[in-house]
N, C-alpha and C. Protein backbone atom coordinates (compact mmCIF):
# COMPACT_ATOMS: atom_id res chain seq x y z
N PRO A 1 -60.39 80.66 -141.68
CA PRO A 1 -59.77 81.82 -141.03
C PRO A 1 -60.31 82.11 -139.62
N THR A 2 -61.59 81.88 -139.36
CA THR A 2 -62.13 82.18 -138.03
C THR A 2 -61.68 81.17 -136.99
N LYS A 3 -61.11 80.06 -137.41
CA LYS A 3 -60.65 79.03 -136.47
C LYS A 3 -59.13 79.04 -136.32
N ASP A 4 -58.42 79.88 -137.07
CA ASP A 4 -56.95 79.92 -137.06
C ASP A 4 -56.33 78.60 -137.48
N ILE A 5 -56.91 77.98 -138.51
CA ILE A 5 -56.38 76.71 -139.02
C ILE A 5 -56.10 76.88 -140.51
N ALA A 6 -54.90 76.54 -140.91
CA ALA A 6 -54.55 76.54 -142.33
C ALA A 6 -54.23 75.10 -142.73
N ILE A 7 -54.74 74.68 -143.86
CA ILE A 7 -54.45 73.34 -144.38
C ILE A 7 -53.58 73.54 -145.61
N LEU A 8 -52.42 72.94 -145.60
CA LEU A 8 -51.44 73.13 -146.66
C LEU A 8 -51.26 71.85 -147.46
N ARG A 9 -51.03 71.99 -148.76
CA ARG A 9 -50.68 70.86 -149.60
C ARG A 9 -49.16 70.81 -149.69
N LEU A 10 -48.58 69.67 -149.34
CA LEU A 10 -47.13 69.49 -149.37
C LEU A 10 -46.75 68.48 -150.44
N SER A 11 -45.50 68.51 -150.83
CA SER A 11 -45.02 67.56 -151.83
C SER A 11 -44.98 66.15 -151.24
N ASP A 12 -44.72 65.16 -152.09
CA ASP A 12 -44.63 63.77 -151.62
C ASP A 12 -43.47 63.57 -150.65
N ALA A 13 -42.54 64.50 -150.64
CA ALA A 13 -41.38 64.39 -149.74
C ALA A 13 -41.69 64.97 -148.36
N SER A 14 -42.96 65.18 -148.07
CA SER A 14 -43.32 65.79 -146.78
C SER A 14 -43.05 64.82 -145.63
N PRO A 15 -42.88 65.35 -144.43
CA PRO A 15 -42.65 64.48 -143.26
C PRO A 15 -43.87 63.64 -142.93
N VAL A 16 -43.68 62.65 -142.09
CA VAL A 16 -44.77 61.78 -141.66
C VAL A 16 -45.75 62.63 -140.84
N PRO A 17 -47.05 62.56 -141.15
CA PRO A 17 -48.02 63.38 -140.41
C PRO A 17 -48.21 62.89 -138.98
N LEU A 18 -48.64 63.80 -138.12
CA LEU A 18 -48.95 63.45 -136.74
C LEU A 18 -50.36 62.89 -136.67
N GLU A 19 -50.54 61.86 -135.87
CA GLU A 19 -51.87 61.31 -135.60
C GLU A 19 -52.59 62.28 -134.66
N LEU A 20 -53.89 62.40 -134.84
CA LEU A 20 -54.70 63.27 -133.98
C LEU A 20 -55.31 62.48 -132.84
N ALA A 21 -55.46 63.12 -131.67
CA ALA A 21 -56.04 62.47 -130.50
C ALA A 21 -56.79 63.50 -129.66
N GLU A 22 -57.60 63.02 -128.73
CA GLU A 22 -58.30 63.90 -127.79
C GLU A 22 -57.32 64.35 -126.71
N PRO A 23 -57.51 65.56 -126.17
CA PRO A 23 -56.60 66.08 -125.15
C PRO A 23 -56.58 65.23 -123.88
N GLN A 24 -55.39 65.15 -123.29
CA GLN A 24 -55.20 64.50 -121.99
C GLN A 24 -54.69 65.56 -121.03
N ASN A 25 -54.42 65.20 -119.79
CA ASN A 25 -54.04 66.19 -118.79
C ASN A 25 -52.64 66.77 -119.02
N LEU A 26 -51.64 65.92 -119.18
CA LEU A 26 -50.26 66.40 -119.35
C LEU A 26 -49.87 66.27 -120.81
N VAL A 27 -49.40 67.36 -121.36
CA VAL A 27 -49.01 67.38 -122.76
C VAL A 27 -47.72 68.18 -122.89
N ARG A 28 -47.22 68.29 -124.11
CA ARG A 28 -46.06 69.11 -124.43
C ARG A 28 -46.40 69.90 -125.68
N PHE A 29 -45.70 70.98 -125.91
CA PHE A 29 -45.88 71.64 -127.19
C PHE A 29 -44.53 71.84 -127.83
N LEU A 30 -44.52 71.82 -129.13
CA LEU A 30 -43.29 71.91 -129.91
C LEU A 30 -43.16 73.33 -130.44
N GLY A 31 -42.57 74.18 -129.64
CA GLY A 31 -42.47 75.59 -129.99
C GLY A 31 -41.08 75.97 -130.44
N THR A 32 -40.96 77.22 -130.84
CA THR A 32 -39.66 77.75 -131.21
C THR A 32 -39.23 78.69 -130.10
N ALA A 33 -38.00 78.57 -129.69
CA ALA A 33 -37.49 79.49 -128.69
C ALA A 33 -37.27 80.84 -129.37
N ALA A 34 -37.74 81.91 -128.74
CA ALA A 34 -37.65 83.24 -129.35
C ALA A 34 -36.22 83.57 -129.75
N GLY A 35 -36.04 83.90 -131.03
CA GLY A 35 -34.73 84.29 -131.52
C GLY A 35 -33.78 83.15 -131.80
N ARG A 36 -34.25 81.89 -131.69
CA ARG A 36 -33.36 80.75 -131.95
C ARG A 36 -33.98 79.86 -133.02
N ASP A 37 -33.13 79.15 -133.72
CA ASP A 37 -33.60 78.23 -134.76
C ASP A 37 -34.00 76.90 -134.14
N GLY A 38 -34.90 76.20 -134.81
CA GLY A 38 -35.27 74.86 -134.40
C GLY A 38 -36.42 74.81 -133.43
N LEU A 39 -36.87 73.60 -133.17
CA LEU A 39 -38.00 73.37 -132.26
C LEU A 39 -37.50 73.00 -130.88
N THR A 40 -38.28 73.37 -129.88
CA THR A 40 -38.03 72.91 -128.52
C THR A 40 -39.30 72.25 -128.02
N SER A 41 -39.15 71.28 -127.17
CA SER A 41 -40.30 70.61 -126.56
C SER A 41 -40.45 71.16 -125.16
N LYS A 42 -41.62 71.76 -124.89
CA LYS A 42 -41.85 72.38 -123.60
C LYS A 42 -43.05 71.72 -122.91
N PRO A 43 -42.98 71.54 -121.58
CA PRO A 43 -44.11 70.92 -120.87
C PRO A 43 -45.31 71.86 -120.82
N ALA A 44 -46.49 71.28 -120.75
CA ALA A 44 -47.73 72.03 -120.63
C ALA A 44 -48.73 71.17 -119.86
N THR A 45 -49.62 71.84 -119.15
CA THR A 45 -50.69 71.16 -118.43
C THR A 45 -52.02 71.72 -118.91
N ILE A 46 -52.96 70.83 -119.19
CA ILE A 46 -54.29 71.27 -119.60
C ILE A 46 -55.03 71.76 -118.36
N VAL A 47 -55.47 73.02 -118.41
CA VAL A 47 -56.22 73.63 -117.32
C VAL A 47 -57.71 73.40 -117.52
N ASP A 48 -58.18 73.57 -118.78
CA ASP A 48 -59.61 73.47 -119.05
C ASP A 48 -59.83 73.31 -120.55
N LEU A 49 -60.97 72.74 -120.90
CA LEU A 49 -61.43 72.70 -122.29
C LEU A 49 -62.52 73.75 -122.39
N VAL A 50 -62.36 74.70 -123.33
CA VAL A 50 -63.24 75.87 -123.39
C VAL A 50 -63.65 76.16 -124.84
N ASP A 51 -64.65 77.03 -124.98
CA ASP A 51 -64.93 77.66 -126.26
C ASP A 51 -64.27 79.02 -126.20
N ALA A 52 -63.36 79.30 -127.11
CA ALA A 52 -62.57 80.52 -127.04
C ALA A 52 -62.72 81.34 -128.31
N THR A 53 -62.47 82.63 -128.17
CA THR A 53 -62.40 83.52 -129.31
C THR A 53 -61.09 84.29 -129.23
N LEU A 54 -60.69 84.85 -130.33
CA LEU A 54 -59.53 85.73 -130.36
C LEU A 54 -60.06 87.07 -130.83
N ASP A 55 -60.00 88.09 -130.00
CA ASP A 55 -60.56 89.41 -130.30
C ASP A 55 -62.06 89.33 -130.56
N GLY A 56 -62.75 88.39 -129.89
CA GLY A 56 -64.20 88.28 -130.02
C GLY A 56 -64.67 87.73 -131.35
N ASP A 57 -63.78 87.13 -132.13
CA ASP A 57 -64.12 86.67 -133.47
C ASP A 57 -63.93 85.16 -133.58
N GLY A 58 -64.93 84.44 -134.08
CA GLY A 58 -64.79 83.03 -134.41
C GLY A 58 -64.61 82.10 -133.24
N LYS A 59 -65.70 81.69 -132.60
CA LYS A 59 -65.61 80.72 -131.50
C LYS A 59 -64.99 79.41 -132.00
N ARG A 60 -64.20 78.82 -131.16
CA ARG A 60 -63.59 77.53 -131.48
C ARG A 60 -63.42 76.71 -130.22
N ALA A 61 -63.48 75.37 -130.37
CA ALA A 61 -63.17 74.48 -129.26
C ALA A 61 -61.68 74.64 -128.98
N ALA A 62 -61.35 74.93 -127.73
CA ALA A 62 -59.96 75.24 -127.40
C ALA A 62 -59.53 74.55 -126.11
N ILE A 63 -58.23 74.53 -125.93
CA ILE A 63 -57.61 73.97 -124.74
C ILE A 63 -56.89 75.12 -124.03
N LYS A 64 -57.25 75.38 -122.77
CA LYS A 64 -56.52 76.37 -121.99
C LYS A 64 -55.34 75.64 -121.34
N LEU A 65 -54.14 76.17 -121.54
CA LEU A 65 -52.92 75.52 -121.09
C LEU A 65 -52.17 76.36 -120.06
N GLU A 66 -51.54 75.68 -119.13
CA GLU A 66 -50.53 76.30 -118.29
C GLU A 66 -49.20 75.90 -118.91
N ALA A 67 -48.50 76.87 -119.49
CA ALA A 67 -47.26 76.56 -120.21
C ALA A 67 -46.50 77.85 -120.48
N ASP A 68 -45.22 77.73 -120.74
CA ASP A 68 -44.37 78.87 -121.07
C ASP A 68 -44.45 79.14 -122.57
N ILE A 69 -45.59 79.67 -123.00
CA ILE A 69 -45.84 79.96 -124.42
C ILE A 69 -45.37 81.37 -124.70
N LYS A 70 -44.61 81.55 -125.76
CA LYS A 70 -44.07 82.85 -126.14
C LYS A 70 -44.69 83.32 -127.44
N PRO A 71 -44.70 84.64 -127.68
CA PRO A 71 -45.09 85.12 -129.01
C PRO A 71 -44.22 84.43 -130.06
N GLY A 72 -44.81 83.98 -131.12
CA GLY A 72 -44.08 83.22 -132.14
C GLY A 72 -44.32 81.73 -132.04
N ASP A 73 -44.92 81.27 -130.94
CA ASP A 73 -45.24 79.85 -130.80
C ASP A 73 -46.57 79.49 -131.46
N SER A 74 -47.30 80.47 -131.99
CA SER A 74 -48.57 80.18 -132.68
C SER A 74 -48.33 79.17 -133.79
N GLY A 75 -49.24 78.21 -133.87
CA GLY A 75 -49.11 77.15 -134.87
C GLY A 75 -48.35 75.94 -134.36
N ALA A 76 -47.78 76.03 -133.15
CA ALA A 76 -47.03 74.90 -132.60
C ALA A 76 -47.98 73.75 -132.25
N ALA A 77 -47.54 72.54 -132.52
CA ALA A 77 -48.32 71.35 -132.18
C ALA A 77 -48.28 71.11 -130.68
N VAL A 78 -49.44 70.78 -130.12
CA VAL A 78 -49.54 70.33 -128.73
C VAL A 78 -49.72 68.82 -128.82
N VAL A 79 -48.81 68.06 -128.21
CA VAL A 79 -48.81 66.61 -128.36
C VAL A 79 -48.92 65.92 -127.00
N ASP A 80 -49.49 64.71 -127.03
CA ASP A 80 -49.57 63.92 -125.80
C ASP A 80 -48.29 63.10 -125.65
N ASP A 81 -48.24 62.26 -124.61
CA ASP A 81 -47.02 61.50 -124.34
C ASP A 81 -46.72 60.42 -125.38
N GLU A 82 -47.68 60.17 -126.29
CA GLU A 82 -47.44 59.21 -127.38
C GLU A 82 -47.13 59.92 -128.69
N GLY A 83 -46.98 61.24 -128.66
CA GLY A 83 -46.64 62.00 -129.85
C GLY A 83 -47.82 62.31 -130.76
N ARG A 84 -49.05 62.11 -130.26
CA ARG A 84 -50.24 62.42 -131.04
C ARG A 84 -50.63 63.87 -130.83
N MET A 85 -51.05 64.54 -131.89
CA MET A 85 -51.41 65.95 -131.81
C MET A 85 -52.80 66.10 -131.19
N VAL A 86 -52.88 66.88 -130.09
CA VAL A 86 -54.16 67.13 -129.44
C VAL A 86 -54.63 68.57 -129.65
N GLY A 87 -53.76 69.42 -130.18
CA GLY A 87 -54.14 70.80 -130.43
C GLY A 87 -53.03 71.58 -131.10
N MET A 88 -53.31 72.88 -131.33
CA MET A 88 -52.35 73.76 -131.99
C MET A 88 -52.43 75.14 -131.34
N ILE A 89 -51.31 75.64 -130.84
CA ILE A 89 -51.24 76.93 -130.13
C ILE A 89 -51.77 78.06 -131.01
N PHE A 90 -52.61 78.94 -130.42
CA PHE A 90 -53.03 80.13 -131.16
C PHE A 90 -52.92 81.42 -130.37
N ALA A 91 -52.71 81.36 -129.05
CA ALA A 91 -52.61 82.61 -128.29
C ALA A 91 -51.92 82.36 -126.95
N THR A 92 -51.41 83.45 -126.37
CA THR A 92 -50.82 83.42 -125.04
C THR A 92 -51.25 84.67 -124.29
N ALA A 93 -51.31 84.56 -122.97
CA ALA A 93 -51.55 85.72 -122.12
C ALA A 93 -50.19 86.27 -121.76
N ARG A 94 -49.85 87.42 -122.30
CA ARG A 94 -48.50 87.97 -122.08
C ARG A 94 -48.25 88.20 -120.59
N GLY A 95 -47.05 87.81 -120.18
CA GLY A 95 -46.67 87.97 -118.79
C GLY A 95 -47.17 86.87 -117.87
N GLU A 96 -47.90 85.90 -118.42
CA GLU A 96 -48.40 84.78 -117.62
C GLU A 96 -48.06 83.47 -118.32
N ASP A 97 -48.00 82.40 -117.57
CA ASP A 97 -47.78 81.08 -118.16
C ASP A 97 -49.11 80.45 -118.52
N VAL A 98 -49.90 81.15 -119.34
CA VAL A 98 -51.22 80.70 -119.77
C VAL A 98 -51.31 80.91 -121.28
N GLY A 99 -51.88 79.92 -121.97
CA GLY A 99 -52.08 80.05 -123.41
C GLY A 99 -53.23 79.17 -123.84
N TRP A 100 -53.54 79.25 -125.13
CA TRP A 100 -54.66 78.50 -125.67
C TRP A 100 -54.25 77.80 -126.96
N ALA A 101 -54.86 76.64 -127.17
CA ALA A 101 -54.64 75.86 -128.39
C ALA A 101 -55.98 75.49 -128.99
N VAL A 102 -56.06 75.51 -130.32
CA VAL A 102 -57.23 74.99 -131.02
C VAL A 102 -57.26 73.49 -130.74
N ALA A 103 -58.41 72.96 -130.32
CA ALA A 103 -58.53 71.54 -130.01
C ALA A 103 -58.49 70.69 -131.29
N SER A 104 -58.06 69.46 -131.15
CA SER A 104 -57.96 68.55 -132.30
C SER A 104 -59.30 68.37 -133.00
N SER A 105 -60.41 68.48 -132.26
CA SER A 105 -61.73 68.34 -132.89
C SER A 105 -61.96 69.41 -133.95
N GLU A 106 -61.43 70.61 -133.75
CA GLU A 106 -61.54 71.68 -134.75
C GLU A 106 -60.70 71.37 -135.98
N ILE A 107 -59.55 70.77 -135.76
CA ILE A 107 -58.67 70.40 -136.88
C ILE A 107 -59.33 69.29 -137.71
N VAL A 108 -59.91 68.30 -137.02
CA VAL A 108 -60.63 67.22 -137.70
C VAL A 108 -61.77 67.81 -138.53
N ALA A 109 -62.54 68.73 -137.94
CA ALA A 109 -63.68 69.35 -138.65
C ALA A 109 -63.20 70.12 -139.88
N ALA A 110 -62.08 70.81 -139.78
CA ALA A 110 -61.55 71.56 -140.93
C ALA A 110 -61.14 70.62 -142.06
N ILE A 111 -60.51 69.49 -141.71
CA ILE A 111 -60.10 68.52 -142.73
C ILE A 111 -61.34 67.87 -143.36
N GLU A 112 -62.33 67.53 -142.53
CA GLU A 112 -63.56 66.93 -143.07
C GLU A 112 -64.30 67.90 -143.99
N ALA A 113 -64.34 69.20 -143.65
CA ALA A 113 -64.98 70.20 -144.51
C ALA A 113 -64.26 70.31 -145.84
N LEU A 114 -62.94 70.26 -145.79
CA LEU A 114 -62.17 70.31 -147.03
C LEU A 114 -62.44 69.07 -147.87
N ASN A 115 -62.50 67.91 -147.24
CA ASN A 115 -62.74 66.66 -147.96
C ASN A 115 -64.13 66.60 -148.60
N ALA A 116 -65.09 67.32 -148.03
CA ALA A 116 -66.45 67.32 -148.58
C ALA A 116 -66.48 67.89 -149.99
N ASN A 117 -65.48 68.69 -150.34
CA ASN A 117 -65.43 69.35 -151.66
C ASN A 117 -64.30 68.83 -152.54
N ARG A 118 -63.73 67.69 -152.19
CA ARG A 118 -62.59 67.15 -152.96
C ARG A 118 -62.92 65.79 -153.54
N PRO A 119 -62.51 65.53 -154.77
CA PRO A 119 -62.71 64.19 -155.32
C PRO A 119 -61.83 63.14 -154.65
N GLU A 120 -60.62 63.55 -154.20
CA GLU A 120 -59.71 62.65 -153.50
C GLU A 120 -59.53 63.17 -152.08
N PRO A 121 -60.08 62.50 -151.06
CA PRO A 121 -59.93 62.99 -149.68
C PRO A 121 -58.48 62.99 -149.22
N ILE A 122 -58.15 63.94 -148.37
CA ILE A 122 -56.81 63.95 -147.77
C ILE A 122 -56.87 63.14 -146.48
N ALA A 123 -55.73 62.66 -146.04
CA ALA A 123 -55.66 61.85 -144.83
C ALA A 123 -56.02 62.68 -143.61
N LEU A 124 -56.65 62.06 -142.64
CA LEU A 124 -57.03 62.73 -141.42
C LEU A 124 -55.86 62.71 -140.46
N ALA A 125 -54.88 63.55 -140.73
CA ALA A 125 -53.67 63.66 -139.92
C ALA A 125 -53.10 65.05 -140.14
N CYS A 126 -52.14 65.41 -139.32
CA CYS A 126 -51.52 66.73 -139.42
C CYS A 126 -50.03 66.61 -139.58
């Protein structure tokens, strides 16, 4: 909960997971347009790699993005040009084209922590 990461168990009919990768300079995020159905792919530029908090709670490795992130885009995958997930949106600065994503390293750590307590490890993918 302090990292804004949820790990879900899906049925065998789940979609193909995204491969994880380290952030690069130019990325895209797969958000939802406010009030519309479906996903849209929007451009984003990595401004900085930071340690971020939300309301002063739970430091996490994060990516500061320049992008048109809207309320409701939380949880959107941030992907590189090869379709690998480099982060996940968790906040936006309202009125500015600035937002933040949990870095893939935090997602990897969450999956590894879960696997430490499981007899059958889950795949390291999202």
